[in-house]
PDB file of N, CA and C in Angstrom:
ATOM      1  N   MET A   1      83.726  94.102  83.021  1.00  0.00           N
ATOM      2  CA  MET A   1      83.285  95.065  83.998  1.00  0.00           C
ATOM      3  C   MET A   1      84.035  96.386  83.855  1.00  0.00           C
ATOM      4  N   TYR A   2      85.263  96.325  83.428  1.00  0.00           N
ATOM      5  CA  TYR A   2      86.044  97.543  83.223  1.00  0.00           C
ATOM      6  C   TYR A   2      87.045  97.274  82.114  1.00  0.00           C
ATOM      7  N   ARG A   3      87.624  98.313  81.608  1.00  0.00           N
ATOM      8  CA  ARG A   3      88.682  98.150  80.620  1.00  0.00           C
ATOM      9  C   ARG A   3      89.827  99.103  80.955  1.00  0.00           C
ATOM     10  N   TYR A   4      91.001  98.717  80.549  1.00  0.00           N
ATOM     11  CA  TYR A   4      92.185  99.519  80.808  1.00  0.00           C
ATOM     12  C   TYR A   4      92.207 100.740  79.910  1.00  0.00           C
ATOM     13  N   ASN A   5      92.676 101.844  80.460  1.00  0.00           N
ATOM     14  CA  ASN A   5      92.865 103.058  79.680  1.00  0.00           C
ATOM     15  C   ASN A   5      94.264 102.993  79.080  1.00  0.00           C
ATOM     16  N   ASP A   6      94.345 102.650  77.804  1.00  0.00           N
ATOM     17  CA  ASP A   6      95.655 102.506  77.154  1.00  0.00           C
ATOM     18  C   ASP A   6      96.233 103.840  76.689  1.00  0.00           C
ATOM     19  N   LYS A   7      95.558 104.936  77.030  1.00  0.00           N
ATOM     20  CA  LYS A   7      96.045 106.261  76.659  1.00  0.00           C
ATOM     21  C   LYS A   7      96.909 106.899  77.750  1.00  0.00           C
ATOM     22  N   ILE A   8      97.026 106.226  78.874  1.00  0.00           N
ATOM     23  CA  ILE A   8      97.861 106.740  79.964  1.00  0.00           C
ATOM     24  C   ILE A   8      99.043 105.809  80.201  1.00  0.00           C
ATOM     25  N   GLN A   9     100.063 106.340  80.821  1.00  0.00           N
ATOM     26  CA  GLN A   9     101.273 105.580  81.142  1.00  0.00           C
ATOM     27  C   GLN A   9     100.934 104.409  82.055  1.00  0.00           C
ATOM     28  N   TYR A  10     101.447 103.224  81.751  1.00  0.00           N
ATOM     29  CA  TYR A  10     101.239 102.074  82.632  1.00  0.00           C
ATOM     30  C   TYR A  10     101.939 102.312  83.965  1.00  0.00           C
ATOM     31  N   MET A  11     101.273 101.984  85.040  1.00  0.00           N
ATOM     32  CA  MET A  11     101.855 101.981  86.384  1.00  0.00           C
ATOM     33  C   MET A  11     101.172 100.867  87.161  1.00  0.00           C
ATOM     34  N   SER A  12     101.906 100.284  88.094  1.00  0.00           N
ATOM     35  CA  SER A  12     101.282  99.309  88.985  1.00  0.00           C
ATOM     36  C   SER A  12     100.254 100.047  89.845  1.00  0.00           C
ATOM     37  N   THR A  13      99.345  99.309  90.451  1.00  0.00           N
ATOM     38  CA  THR A  13      98.323  99.937  91.292  1.00  0.00           C
ATOM     39  C   THR A  13      98.940 100.743  92.430  1.00  0.00           C
ATOM     40  N   PRO A  14      99.924 100.189  93.180  1.00  0.00           N
ATOM     41  CA  PRO A  14     100.529 101.009  94.247  1.00  0.00           C
ATOM     42  C   PRO A  14     101.218 102.264  93.705  1.00  0.00           C
ATOM     43  N   ASP A  15     101.931 102.126  92.590  1.00  0.00           N
ATOM     44  CA  ASP A  15     102.620 103.294  92.033  1.00  0.00           C
ATOM     45  C   ASP A  15     101.628 104.358  91.568  1.00  0.00           C
ATOM     46  N   ARG A  16     100.543 103.935  90.907  1.00  0.00           N
ATOM     47  CA  ARG A  16      99.548 104.911  90.471  1.00  0.00           C
ATOM     48  C   ARG A  16      98.876 105.565  91.672  1.00  0.00           C
ATOM     49  N   SER A  17      98.637 104.797  92.728  1.00  0.00           N
ATOM     50  CA  SER A  17      98.009 105.353  93.929  1.00  0.00           C
ATOM     51  C   SER A  17      98.876 106.445  94.543  1.00  0.00           C
ATOM     52  N   VAL A  18     100.165 106.174  94.695  1.00  0.00           N
ATOM     53  CA  VAL A  18     101.083 107.163  95.258  1.00  0.00           C
ATOM     54  C   VAL A  18     101.198 108.362  94.311  1.00  0.00           C
ATOM     55  N   PHE A  19     101.268 108.101  93.005  1.00  0.00           N
ATOM     56  CA  PHE A  19     101.326 109.188  92.024  1.00  0.00           C
ATOM     57  C   PHE A  19     100.106 110.100  92.148  1.00  0.00           C
ATOM     58  N   LEU A  20      98.911 109.518  92.222  1.00  0.00           N
ATOM     59  CA  LEU A  20      97.691 110.326  92.312  1.00  0.00           C
ATOM     60  C   LEU A  20      97.646 111.144  93.592  1.00  0.00           C
ATOM     61  N   MET A  21      98.091 110.556  94.686  1.00  0.00           N
ATOM     62  CA  MET A  21      98.150 111.316  95.939  1.00  0.00           C
ATOM     63  C   MET A  21      99.046 112.534  95.771  1.00  0.00           C
ATOM     64  N   GLN A  22     100.222 112.311  95.209  1.00  0.00           N
ATOM     65  CA  GLN A  22     101.164 113.408  94.984  1.00  0.00           C
ATOM     66  C   GLN A  22     100.569 114.439  94.015  1.00  0.00           C
ATOM     67  N   HIS A  23      99.957 113.964  92.945  1.00  0.00           N
ATOM     68  CA  HIS A  23      99.373 114.856  91.931  1.00  0.00           C
ATOM     69  C   HIS A  23      98.336 115.801  92.538  1.00  0.00           C
ATOM     70  N   TYR A  24      97.543 115.285  93.470  1.00  0.00           N
ATOM     71  CA  TYR A  24      96.500 116.097  94.089  1.00  0.00           C
ATOM     72  C   TYR A  24      96.950 116.769  95.386  1.00  0.00           C
ATOM     73  N   GLY A  25      98.244 116.748  95.656  1.00  0.00           N
ATOM     74  CA  GLY A  25      98.798 117.480  96.788  1.00  0.00           C
ATOM     75  C   GLY A  25      98.555 116.837  98.138  1.00  0.00           C
ATOM     76  N   ILE A  26      98.248 115.552  98.148  1.00  0.00           N
ATOM     77  CA  ILE A  26      98.020 114.851  99.413  1.00  0.00           C
ATOM     78  C   ILE A  26      99.358 114.340  99.921  1.00  0.00           C
ATOM     79  N   LYS A  27      99.753 114.838 101.062  1.00  0.00           N
ATOM     80  CA  LYS A  27     101.035 114.438 101.637  1.00  0.00           C
ATOM     81  C   LYS A  27     100.863 113.141 102.410  1.00  0.00           C
ATOM     82  N   LEU A  28     101.821 112.244 102.241  1.00  0.00           N
ATOM     83  CA  LEU A  28     101.798 110.950 102.920  1.00  0.00           C
ATOM     84  C   LEU A  28     102.928 110.869 103.934  1.00  0.00           C
ATOM     85  N   THR A  29     102.648 110.248 105.053  1.00  0.00           N
ATOM     86  CA  THR A  29     103.711 109.932 106.007  1.00  0.00           C
ATOM     87  C   THR A  29     104.488 108.747 105.441  1.00  0.00           C
ATOM     88  N   PRO A  30     105.697 108.495 105.948  1.00  0.00           N
ATOM     89  CA  PRO A  30     106.422 107.310 105.483  1.00  0.00           C
ATOM     90  C   PRO A  30     105.617 106.014 105.668  1.00  0.00           C
ATOM     91  N   ASP A  31     104.897 105.892 106.774  1.00  0.00           N
ATOM     92  CA  ASP A  31     104.091 104.679 106.995  1.00  0.00           C
ATOM     93  C   ASP A  31     102.956 104.570 105.988  1.00  0.00           C
ATOM     94  N   GLU A  32     102.299 105.680 105.666  1.00  0.00           N
ATOM     95  CA  GLU A  32     101.226 105.656 104.676  1.00  0.00           C
ATOM     96  C   GLU A  32     101.759 105.285 103.302  1.00  0.00           C
ATOM     97  N   TRP A  33     102.913 105.852 102.944  1.00  0.00           N
ATOM     98  CA  TRP A  33     103.530 105.548 101.656  1.00  0.00           C
ATOM     99  C   TRP A  33     103.859 104.064 101.568  1.00  0.00           C
ATOM    100  N   LEU A  34     104.468 103.529 102.628  1.00  0.00           N
ATOM    101  CA  LEU A  34     104.807 102.099 102.625  1.00  0.00           C
ATOM    102  C   LEU A  34     103.561 101.220 102.625  1.00  0.00           C
ATOM    103  N   ALA A  35     102.518 101.631 103.318  1.00  0.00           N
ATOM    104  CA  ALA A  35     101.287 100.843 103.351  1.00  0.00           C
ATOM    105  C   ALA A  35     100.720 100.695 101.938  1.00  0.00           C
ATOM    106  N   ILE A  36     100.769 101.758 101.151  1.00  0.00           N
ATOM    107  CA  ILE A  36     100.295 101.691  99.771  1.00  0.00           C
ATOM    108  C   ILE A  36     101.256 100.862  98.929  1.00  0.00           C
ATOM    109  N   LYS A  37     102.526 101.164  99.035  1.00  0.00           N
ATOM    110  CA  LYS A  37     103.539 100.522  98.193  1.00  0.00           C
ATOM    111  C   LYS A  37     103.657  99.028  98.458  1.00  0.00           C
ATOM    112  N   LEU A  38     103.498  98.618  99.712  1.00  0.00           N
ATOM    113  CA  LEU A  38     103.706  97.211 100.075  1.00  0.00           C
ATOM    114  C   LEU A  38     102.401  96.441 100.234  1.00  0.00           C
ATOM    115  N   ASN A  39     101.295  96.959  99.699  1.00  0.00           N
ATOM    116  CA  ASN A  39      99.996  96.329  99.966  1.00  0.00           C
ATOM    117  C   ASN A  39      99.944  94.864  99.543  1.00  0.00           C
ATOM    118  N   ASP A  40     100.722  94.450  98.558  1.00  0.00           N
ATOM    119  CA  ASP A  40     100.695  93.055  98.119  1.00  0.00           C
ATOM    120  C   ASP A  40     101.484  92.125  99.039  1.00  0.00           C
ATOM    121  N   GLY A  41     102.089  92.678 100.055  1.00  0.00           N
ATOM    122  CA  GLY A  41     102.766  91.855 101.053  1.00  0.00           C
ATOM    123  C   GLY A  41     104.084  91.274 100.586  1.00  0.00           C
ATOM    124  N   PHE A  42     104.484  90.236 101.276  1.00  0.00           N
ATOM    125  CA  PHE A  42     105.801  89.653 101.040  1.00  0.00           C
ATOM    126  C   PHE A  42     105.802  88.593  99.953  1.00  0.00           C
ATOM    127  N   VAL A  43     104.672  88.416  99.270  1.00  0.00           N
ATOM    128  CA  VAL A  43     104.672  87.530  98.106  1.00  0.00           C
ATOM    129  C   VAL A  43     105.409  88.183  96.947  1.00  0.00           C
ATOM    130  N   VAL A  44     105.562  89.501  97.009  1.00  0.00           N
ATOM    131  CA  VAL A  44     106.330  90.234  96.001  1.00  0.00           C
ATOM    132  C   VAL A  44     107.776  90.283  96.498  1.00  0.00           C
ATOM    133  N   ASP A  45     108.688  89.742  95.704  1.00  0.00           N
ATOM    134  CA  ASP A  45     110.090  89.647  96.126  1.00  0.00           C
ATOM    135  C   ASP A  45     110.675  90.995  96.553  1.00  0.00           C
ATOM    136  N   ALA A  46     110.331  92.065  95.842  1.00  0.00           N
ATOM    137  CA  ALA A  46     110.882  93.382  96.171  1.00  0.00           C
ATOM    138  C   ALA A  46     110.450  93.854  97.555  1.00  0.00           C
ATOM    139  N   ASN A  47     109.363  93.318  98.088  1.00  0.00           N
ATOM    140  CA  ASN A  47     108.870  93.735  99.398  1.00  0.00           C
ATOM    141  C   ASN A  47     109.525  92.975 100.556  1.00  0.00           C
ATOM    142  N   LYS A  48     110.197  91.895 100.270  1.00  0.00           N
ATOM    143  CA  LYS A  48     110.734  91.027 101.329  1.00  0.00           C
ATOM    144  C   LYS A  48     111.770  91.724 102.205  1.00  0.00           C
ATOM    145  N   ILE A  49     112.437  92.743 101.681  1.00  0.00           N
ATOM    146  CA  ILE A  49     113.447  93.439 102.489  1.00  0.00           C
ATOM    147  C   ILE A  49     112.812  94.196 103.653  1.00  0.00           C
ATOM    148  N   TYR A  50     111.484  94.403 103.596  1.00  0.00           N
ATOM    149  CA  TYR A  50     110.788  95.127 104.660  1.00  0.00           C
ATOM    150  C   TYR A  50     110.285  94.206 105.763  1.00  0.00           C
ATOM    151  N   CYS A  51     110.422  92.907 105.584  1.00  0.00           N
ATOM    152  CA  CYS A  51     109.913  91.942 106.553  1.00  0.00           C
ATOM    153  C   CYS A  51     110.437  92.256 107.953  1.00  0.00           C
ATOM    154  N   LEU A  52     109.546  92.295 108.908  1.00  0.00           N
ATOM    155  CA  LEU A  52     109.845  92.567 110.320  1.00  0.00           C
ATOM    156  C   LEU A  52     110.335  93.993 110.570  1.00  0.00           C
ATOM    157  N   LYS A  53     110.177  94.883 109.595  1.00  0.00           N
ATOM    158  CA  LYS A  53     110.632  96.272 109.754  1.00  0.00           C
ATOM    159  C   LYS A  53     109.506  97.255 109.478  1.00  0.00           C
ATOM    160  N   ILE A  54     108.253  96.816 109.567  1.00  0.00           N
ATOM    161  CA  ILE A  54     107.135  97.664 109.186  1.00  0.00           C
ATOM    162  C   ILE A  54     106.269  98.005 110.388  1.00  0.00           C
ATOM    163  N   SER A  55     105.506  99.071 110.235  1.00  0.00           N
ATOM    164  CA  SER A  55     104.645  99.551 111.312  1.00  0.00           C
ATOM    165  C   SER A  55     103.327  98.766 111.326  1.00  0.00           C
ATOM    166  N   PRO A  56     102.555  98.908 112.404  1.00  0.00           N
ATOM    167  CA  PRO A  56     101.235  98.251 112.445  1.00  0.00           C
ATOM    168  C   PRO A  56     100.316  98.693 111.297  1.00  0.00           C
ATOM    169  N   LEU A  57     100.391  99.946 110.861  1.00  0.00           N
ATOM    170  CA  LEU A  57      99.568 100.406 109.744  1.00  0.00           C
ATOM    171  C   LEU A  57      99.890  99.616 108.482  1.00  0.00           C
ATOM    172  N   VAL A  58     101.165  99.506 108.168  1.00  0.00           N
ATOM    173  CA  VAL A  58     101.588  98.780 106.971  1.00  0.00           C
ATOM    174  C   VAL A  58     101.170  97.315 107.081  1.00  0.00           C
ATOM    175  N   ASN A  59     101.391  96.726 108.237  1.00  0.00           N
ATOM    176  CA  ASN A  59     101.014  95.332 108.455  1.00  0.00           C
ATOM    177  C   ASN A  59      99.505  95.145 108.291  1.00  0.00           C
ATOM    178  N   GLY A  60      98.721  96.080 108.815  1.00  0.00           N
ATOM    179  CA  GLY A  60      97.268  95.998 108.697  1.00  0.00           C
ATOM    180  C   GLY A  60      96.798  96.052 107.256  1.00  0.00           C
ATOM    181  N   VAL A  61      97.376  96.956 106.460  1.00  0.00           N
ATOM    182  CA  VAL A  61      96.994  97.068 105.048  1.00  0.00           C
ATOM    183  C   VAL A  61      97.392  95.796 104.296  1.00  0.00           C
ATOM    184  N   MET A  62      98.572  95.273 104.570  1.00  0.00           N
ATOM    185  CA  MET A  62      99.009  94.046 103.910  1.00  0.00           C
ATOM    186  C   MET A  62      98.071  92.888 104.243  1.00  0.00           C
ATOM    187  N   ASN A  63      97.686  92.769 105.506  1.00  0.00           N
ATOM    188  CA  ASN A  63      96.788  91.685 105.908  1.00  0.00           C
ATOM    189  C   ASN A  63      95.399  91.864 105.310  1.00  0.00           C
ATOM    190  N   ALA A  64      94.910  93.090 105.260  1.00  0.00           N
ATOM    191  CA  ALA A  64      93.599  93.345 104.657  1.00  0.00           C
ATOM    192  C   ALA A  64      93.612  92.966 103.178  1.00  0.00           C
ATOM    193  N   ASP A  65      94.679  93.307 102.481  1.00  0.00           N
ATOM    194  CA  ASP A  65      94.805  92.957 101.070  1.00  0.00           C
ATOM    195  C   ASP A  65      94.831  91.443 100.905  1.00  0.00           C
ATOM    196  N   TYR A  66      95.581  90.761 101.762  1.00  0.00           N
ATOM    197  CA  TYR A  66      95.684  89.300 101.684  1.00  0.00           C
ATOM    198  C   TYR A  66      94.329  88.636 101.937  1.00  0.00           C
ATOM    199  N   ILE A  67      93.637  89.064 102.990  1.00  0.00           N
ATOM    200  CA  ILE A  67      92.343  88.471 103.326  1.00  0.00           C
ATOM    201  C   ILE A  67      91.338  88.701 102.198  1.00  0.00           C
ATOM    202  N   THR A  68      91.327  89.901 101.635  1.00  0.00           N
ATOM    203  CA  THR A  68      90.421  90.209 100.534  1.00  0.00           C
ATOM    204  C   THR A  68      90.713  89.332  99.326  1.00  0.00           C
ATOM    205  N   THR A  69      91.989  89.172  99.007  1.00  0.00           N
ATOM    206  CA  THR A  69      92.377  88.338  97.872  1.00  0.00           C
ATOM    207  C   THR A  69      91.958  86.892  98.095  1.00  0.00           C
ATOM    208  N   MET A  70      92.195  86.370  99.288  1.00  0.00           N
ATOM    209  CA  MET A  70      91.819  84.988  99.586  1.00  0.00           C
ATOM    210  C   MET A  70      90.304  84.813  99.536  1.00  0.00           C
ATOM    211  N   GLU A  71      89.574  85.818 100.000  1.00  0.00           N
ATOM    212  CA  GLU A  71      88.111  85.742  99.959  1.00  0.00           C
ATOM    213  C   GLU A  71      87.613  85.747  98.514  1.00  0.00           C
ATOM    214  N   GLU A  72      88.218  86.580  97.674  1.00  0.00           N
ATOM    215  CA  GLU A  72      87.820  86.621  96.260  1.00  0.00           C
ATOM    216  C   GLU A  72      88.059  85.280  95.578  1.00  0.00           C
ATOM    217  N   LYS A  73      89.111  84.593  95.979  1.00  0.00           N
ATOM    218  CA  LYS A  73      89.436  83.286  95.400  1.00  0.00           C
ATOM    219  C   LYS A  73      88.608  82.159  96.007  1.00  0.00           C
ATOM    220  N   GLY A  74      87.840  82.473  97.041  1.00  0.00           N
ATOM    221  CA  GLY A  74      87.044  81.449  97.698  1.00  0.00           C
ATOM    222  C   GLY A  74      87.836  80.588  98.659  1.00  0.00           C
ATOM    223  N   SER A  75      89.016  81.060  99.059  1.00  0.00           N
ATOM    224  CA  SER A  75      89.878  80.291  99.962  1.00  0.00           C
ATOM    225  C   SER A  75      89.556  80.495 101.430  1.00  0.00           C
ATOM    226  N   ILE A  76      88.701  81.461 101.729  1.00  0.00           N
ATOM    227  CA  ILE A  76      88.344  81.736 103.123  1.00  0.00           C
ATOM    228  C   ILE A  76      86.868  81.421 103.317  1.00  0.00           C
ATOM    229  N   VAL A  77      86.584  80.638 104.319  1.00  0.00           N
ATOM    230  CA  VAL A  77      85.198  80.366 104.673  1.00  0.00           C
ATOM    231  C   VAL A  77      84.957  81.041 106.011  1.00  0.00           C
ATOM    232  N   TRP A  78      84.111  82.060 106.006  1.00  0.00           N
ATOM    233  CA  TRP A  78      83.826  82.812 107.224  1.00  0.00           C
ATOM    234  C   TRP A  78      82.817  82.060 108.063  1.00  0.00           C
ATOM    235  N   PRO A  79      83.017  82.035 109.381  1.00  0.00           N
ATOM    236  CA  PRO A  79      82.035  81.353 110.246  1.00  0.00           C
ATOM    237  C   PRO A  79      80.696  82.076 110.223  1.00  0.00           C
ATOM    238  N   VAL A  80      79.630  81.306 110.329  1.00  0.00           N
ATOM    239  CA  VAL A  80      78.303  81.881 110.368  1.00  0.00           C
ATOM    240  C   VAL A  80      77.972  82.215 111.815  1.00  0.00           C
ATOM    241  N   VAL A  81      77.659  83.471 112.073  1.00  0.00           N
ATOM    242  CA  VAL A  81      77.302  83.910 113.428  1.00  0.00           C
ATOM    243  C   VAL A  81      75.798  84.091 113.469  1.00  0.00           C
ATOM    244  N   GLU A  82      75.167  83.381 114.362  1.00  0.00           N
ATOM    245  CA  GLU A  82      73.698  83.472 114.464  1.00  0.00           C
ATOM    246  C   GLU A  82      73.297  84.192 115.707  1.00  0.00           C
TER     247      GLU A  82
END
């Protein structure tokens, strides 16, 4: 479906996202920066130091990422609403 561009410097998705924001002059608040940087949640060891020290925005992005990942893996069965 897609292929990697091997002509550009490798960066993780959060790092590239923050880089692109900076490149295009988009200023981020500390909460916005952390929401992007910590999107993979506490499964990443480097993110564990932020546990219980994050804002609702950061928590919301982390949970959205987790739910999306679980749904892609087929681990979430959504109730049928009729």
